[in-house]
C-alpha atoms as a PDB file:
ATOM      1  CA  MET A   1      24.189  10.678 -17.562  1.00  0.00           C
ATOM      2  CA  GLY A   2      20.682   9.917 -18.856  1.00  0.00           C
ATOM      3  CA  GLU A   3      17.426   9.503 -17.036  1.00  0.00           C
ATOM      4  CA  SER A   4      17.711   6.915 -14.241  1.00  0.00           C
ATOM      5  CA  THR A   5      14.674   5.471 -12.531  1.00  0.00           C
ATOM      6  CA  VAL A   6      14.371   3.769  -9.195  1.00  0.00           C
ATOM      7  CA  GLY A   7      12.316   0.637  -9.653  1.00  0.00           C
ATOM      8  CA  LEU A   8       9.263   2.100 -11.400  1.00  0.00           C
ATOM      9  CA  TYR A   9       9.399  -0.269 -14.349  1.00  0.00           C
ATOM     10  CA  ALA A  10      10.674  -3.139 -12.206  1.00  0.00           C
ATOM     11  CA  ALA A  11       7.649  -2.631  -9.930  1.00  0.00           C
ATOM     12  CA  LYS A  12       5.321  -2.859 -12.926  1.00  0.00           C
ATOM     13  CA  GLY A  13       7.109  -6.056 -13.937  1.00  0.00           C
ATOM     14  CA  ALA A  14       6.817  -7.342 -10.353  1.00  0.00           C
ATOM     15  CA  VAL A  15       3.035  -6.873 -10.361  1.00  0.00           C
ATOM     16  CA  LEU A  16       2.747  -8.939 -13.529  1.00  0.00           C
ATOM     17  CA  ALA A  17       5.204 -11.574 -12.286  1.00  0.00           C
ATOM     18  CA  ALA A  18       3.335 -11.933  -8.970  1.00  0.00           C
ATOM     19  CA  ALA A  19       0.047 -12.464 -10.803  1.00  0.00           C
ATOM     20  CA  ARG A  20       1.509 -14.954 -13.283  1.00  0.00           C
ATOM     21  CA  LEU A  21       3.343 -16.908 -10.581  1.00  0.00           C
ATOM     22  CA  GLY A  22       0.415 -16.889  -8.152  1.00  0.00           C
ATOM     23  CA  LEU A  23       2.535 -15.466  -5.340  1.00  0.00           C
ATOM     24  CA  GLY A  24       1.100 -15.142  -1.849  1.00  0.00           C
ATOM     25  CA  HIS A  25       0.404 -11.804  -0.203  1.00  0.00           C
ATOM     26  CA  ALA A  26       3.675 -11.522   1.759  1.00  0.00           C
ATOM     27  CA  ALA A  27       5.854 -12.592  -1.176  1.00  0.00           C
ATOM     28  CA  THR A  28       4.077 -10.117  -3.467  1.00  0.00           C
ATOM     29  CA  ARG A  29       4.552  -7.249  -0.988  1.00  0.00           C
ATOM     30  CA  LEU A  30       8.226  -8.089  -0.599  1.00  0.00           C
ATOM     31  CA  LEU A  31       8.796  -8.393  -4.356  1.00  0.00           C
ATOM     32  CA  LEU A  32       7.221  -4.961  -4.925  1.00  0.00           C
ATOM     33  CA  HIS A  33       9.355  -3.482  -2.149  1.00  0.00           C
ATOM     34  CA  MET A  34      12.481  -5.036  -3.654  1.00  0.00           C
ATOM     35  CA  ALA A  35      11.607  -3.635  -7.080  1.00  0.00           C
ATOM     36  CA  LEU A  36      11.032  -0.132  -5.725  1.00  0.00           C
ATOM     37  CA  GLU A  37      14.357  -0.235  -3.839  1.00  0.00           C
ATOM     38  CA  SER A  38      16.368  -1.258  -6.912  1.00  0.00           C
ATOM     39  CA  TRP A  39      17.379   0.567 -10.081  1.00  0.00           C
ATOM     40  CA  ASP A  40      15.652  -0.169 -13.382  1.00  0.00           C
ATOM     41  CA  ASP A  41      18.805   0.016 -15.491  1.00  0.00           C
ATOM     42  CA  THR A  42      22.576   0.479 -15.366  1.00  0.00           C
ATOM     43  CA  ASP A  43      22.298   4.238 -15.852  1.00  0.00           C
ATOM     44  CA  ASN A  44      22.116   5.120 -12.133  1.00  0.00           C
ATOM     45  CA  PRO A  45      24.135   7.327  -9.759  1.00  0.00           C
ATOM     46  CA  GLY A  46      25.640   4.427  -7.781  1.00  0.00           C
ATOM     47  CA  ASN A  47      26.549   2.295 -10.809  1.00  0.00           C
ATOM     48  CA  GLN A  48      24.561  -0.529  -9.203  1.00  0.00           C
ATOM     49  CA  PRO A  49      23.470  -3.547 -11.220  1.00  0.00           C
ATOM     50  CA  PRO A  50      19.866  -3.155 -12.365  1.00  0.00           C
ATOM     51  CA  ARG A  51      17.168  -4.996 -10.382  1.00  0.00           C
ATOM     52  CA  ARG A  52      19.616  -5.746  -7.532  1.00  0.00           C
ATOM     53  CA  TYR A  53      18.174  -5.684  -3.998  1.00  0.00           C
ATOM     54  CA  PHE A  54      20.469  -5.524  -1.000  1.00  0.00           C
ATOM     55  CA  ALA A  55      18.534  -3.813   1.794  1.00  0.00           C
ATOM     56  CA  SER A  56      18.546  -5.178   5.335  1.00  0.00           C
ATOM     57  CA  ARG A  57      16.245  -7.835   6.745  1.00  0.00           C
ATOM     58  CA  GLU A  58      14.748  -5.089   8.909  1.00  0.00           C
ATOM     59  CA  SER A  59      13.881  -3.054   5.809  1.00  0.00           C
ATOM     60  CA  SER A  60      12.332  -6.137   4.223  1.00  0.00           C
ATOM     61  CA  ALA A  61      10.323  -6.736   7.411  1.00  0.00           C
ATOM     62  CA  ILE A  62       8.886  -3.213   7.205  1.00  0.00           C
ATOM     63  CA  ALA A  63       7.608  -4.086   3.719  1.00  0.00           C
ATOM     64  CA  LEU A  64       5.766  -7.006   5.351  1.00  0.00           C
ATOM     65  CA  GLY A  65       4.106  -4.747   7.917  1.00  0.00           C
ATOM     66  CA  TYR A  66       6.500  -4.949  10.874  1.00  0.00           C
ATOM     67  CA  LEU A  67       7.184  -1.448  12.153  1.00  0.00           C
ATOM     68  CA  ALA A  68      10.156  -0.566  14.372  1.00  0.00           C
ATOM     69  CA  PRO A  69      11.135  -1.951  16.784  1.00  0.00           C
ATOM     70  CA  ASP A  70       9.221  -5.132  15.804  1.00  0.00           C
ATOM     71  CA  ASN A  71      10.941  -5.232  12.396  1.00  0.00           C
ATOM     72  CA  GLY A  72      14.023  -6.600  14.180  1.00  0.00           C
ATOM     73  CA  SER A  73      12.115  -9.380  15.968  1.00  0.00           C
ATOM     74  CA  GLU A  74      12.522 -13.101  15.429  1.00  0.00           C
ATOM     75  CA  SER A  75       8.951 -13.233  14.074  1.00  0.00           C
ATOM     76  CA  ALA A  76       9.738 -10.535  11.502  1.00  0.00           C
ATOM     77  CA  HIS A  77      12.926 -12.286  10.384  1.00  0.00           C
ATOM     78  CA  HIS A  78      11.042 -15.569  10.043  1.00  0.00           C
ATOM     79  CA  SER A  79       8.366 -13.867   7.887  1.00  0.00           C
ATOM     80  CA  VAL A  80      11.045 -12.346   5.647  1.00  0.00           C
ATOM     81  CA  LYS A  81      12.775 -15.725   5.349  1.00  0.00           C
ATOM     82  CA  ARG A  82       9.492 -17.424   4.304  1.00  0.00           C
ATOM     83  CA  ALA A  83       8.687 -14.729   1.728  1.00  0.00           C
ATOM     84  CA  ILE A  84      12.206 -14.901   0.266  1.00  0.00           C
ATOM     85  CA  ALA A  85      12.003 -18.699   0.078  1.00  0.00           C
ATOM     86  CA  GLU A  86       8.739 -18.398  -1.884  1.00  0.00           C
ATOM     87  CA  LEU A  87      10.242 -15.796  -4.231  1.00  0.00           C
ATOM     88  CA  VAL A  88      13.335 -17.931  -4.888  1.00  0.00           C
ATOM     89  CA  ALA A  89      11.305 -21.147  -5.354  1.00  0.00           C
ATOM     90  CA  SER A  90       8.933 -19.420  -7.793  1.00  0.00           C
ATOM     91  CA  GLY A  91      11.783 -17.992  -9.873  1.00  0.00           C
ATOM     92  CA  ALA A  92      10.887 -14.350  -9.161  1.00  0.00           C
ATOM     93  CA  ILE A  93      14.326 -13.655  -7.614  1.00  0.00           C
ATOM     94  CA  GLU A  94      17.693 -15.333  -7.320  1.00  0.00           C
ATOM     95  CA  ARG A  95      20.135 -15.079  -4.423  1.00  0.00           C
ATOM     96  CA  VAL A  96      23.431 -13.440  -5.383  1.00  0.00           C
ATOM     97  CA  SER A  97      24.986 -13.677  -1.920  1.00  0.00           C
ATOM     98  CA  SER A  98      23.898 -14.634   1.571  1.00  0.00           C
ATOM     99  CA  GLY A  99      23.930 -12.119   4.352  1.00  0.00           C
ATOM    100  CA  TYR A 100      26.348 -12.321   7.258  1.00  0.00           C
ATOM    101  CA  ARG A 101      27.304 -10.071  10.150  1.00  0.00           C
ATOM    102  CA  GLY A 102      27.657  -6.544   8.795  1.00  0.00           C
ATOM    103  CA  HIS A 103      26.655  -7.464   5.219  1.00  0.00           C
ATOM    104  CA  ASN A 104      23.186  -7.766   3.728  1.00  0.00           C
ATOM    105  CA  ALA A 105      22.111 -10.565   1.435  1.00  0.00           C
ATOM    106  CA  GLU A 106      21.807  -9.594  -2.236  1.00  0.00           C
ATOM    107  CA  PHE A 107      19.193 -10.707  -4.743  1.00  0.00           C
ATOM    108  CA  ASN A 108      18.607 -10.267  -8.462  1.00  0.00           C
ATOM    109  CA  LEU A 109      14.996  -9.588  -9.359  1.00  0.00           C
ATOM    110  CA  LEU A 110      14.015 -11.663 -12.365  1.00  0.00           C
ATOM    111  CA  VAL A 111      11.387  -9.226 -13.598  1.00  0.00           C
ATOM    112  CA  ASP A 112      11.209  -6.962 -16.624  1.00  0.00           C
ATOM    113  CA  SER A 113      12.313  -3.372 -15.982  1.00  0.00           C
ATOM    114  CA  ARG A 114      12.594  -2.115 -19.537  1.00  0.00           C
ATOM    115  CA  LYS A 115      11.124   1.289 -20.201  1.00  0.00           C
ATOM    116  CA  PRO A 116       8.230   0.956 -22.646  1.00  0.00           C
ATOM    117  CA  GLY A 117       9.309   2.211 -26.052  1.00  0.00           C
ATOM    118  CA  GLY A 118       7.314   4.497 -28.324  1.00  0.00           C
ATOM    119  CA  HIS A 119       4.149   3.338 -30.007  1.00  0.00           C
ATOM    120  CA  ARG A 120       3.272  -0.333 -29.675  1.00  0.00           C
ATOM    121  CA  ARG A 121       0.782  -1.961 -32.017  1.00  0.00           C
ATOM    122  CA  TYR A 122      -0.631  -4.122 -29.246  1.00  0.00           C
ATOM    123  CA  GLU A 123      -0.064  -4.804 -25.576  1.00  0.00           C
ATOM    124  CA  THR A 124       0.981  -8.337 -24.661  1.00  0.00           C
ATOM    125  CA  ASN A 125       0.910  -7.928 -20.869  1.00  0.00           C
ATOM    126  CA  VAL A 126      -2.730  -6.937 -20.440  1.00  0.00           C
ATOM    127  CA  ILE A 127      -4.509  -8.441 -17.455  1.00  0.00           C
ATOM    128  CA  PRO A 128      -8.298  -8.319 -17.970  1.00  0.00           C
ATOM    129  CA  MET A 129      -9.929  -6.312 -15.197  1.00  0.00           C
ATOM    130  CA  LEU A 130     -13.400  -7.128 -13.959  1.00  0.00           C
ATOM    131  CA  ARG A 131     -15.774  -4.189 -14.247  1.00  0.00           C
ATOM    132  CA  ARG A 132     -18.865  -3.445 -12.287  1.00  0.00           C
ATOM    133  CA  GLY A 133     -21.772  -4.824 -14.268  1.00  0.00           C
ATOM    134  CA  GLY A 134     -19.284  -6.554 -16.575  1.00  0.00           C
ATOM    135  CA  LEU A 135     -17.970 -10.067 -16.324  1.00  0.00           C
ATOM    136  CA  GLY A 136     -19.177 -12.275 -13.532  1.00  0.00           C
ATOM    137  CA  ALA A 137     -17.084 -14.609 -11.389  1.00  0.00           C
ATOM    138  CA  GLY A 138     -15.497 -17.326 -13.453  1.00  0.00           C
ATOM    139  CA  GLU A 139     -16.340 -15.698 -16.790  1.00  0.00           C
ATOM    140  CA  ARG A 140     -13.616 -14.832 -19.260  1.00  0.00           C
ATOM    141  CA  PRO A 141     -13.499 -12.071 -21.825  1.00  0.00           C
ATOM    142  CA  PRO A 142     -14.225 -13.135 -25.429  1.00  0.00           C
END
């Protein structure tokens, strides 16, 4: 068995996807949580599909800031439902199966989780960062 990683590269892909898709705060938090709870590739101890999320609604609610016991509340479940709806509508995730009593819903994360390979001549996923004393609001790099 090779080197398996839990969501590190998927989380990096999720950050880029959230920025490109203009996701809201809750949806972005949930997408990052989903990425960190999934495997990056098929080489993993549980032979799980890569980028597959199947944690409980309560676990998802914790990612949105609801701590126990509030993570099981109606408000928490509604917040999770809204964030998932945004993620599905934006194309960041797709529903594999719906949850029902005793079984969690499952989702595929539609983000890149490939491990960066060797030397790259240029980076295509660079997001320009504003620096202190650098670019002002609304200005773009040359």
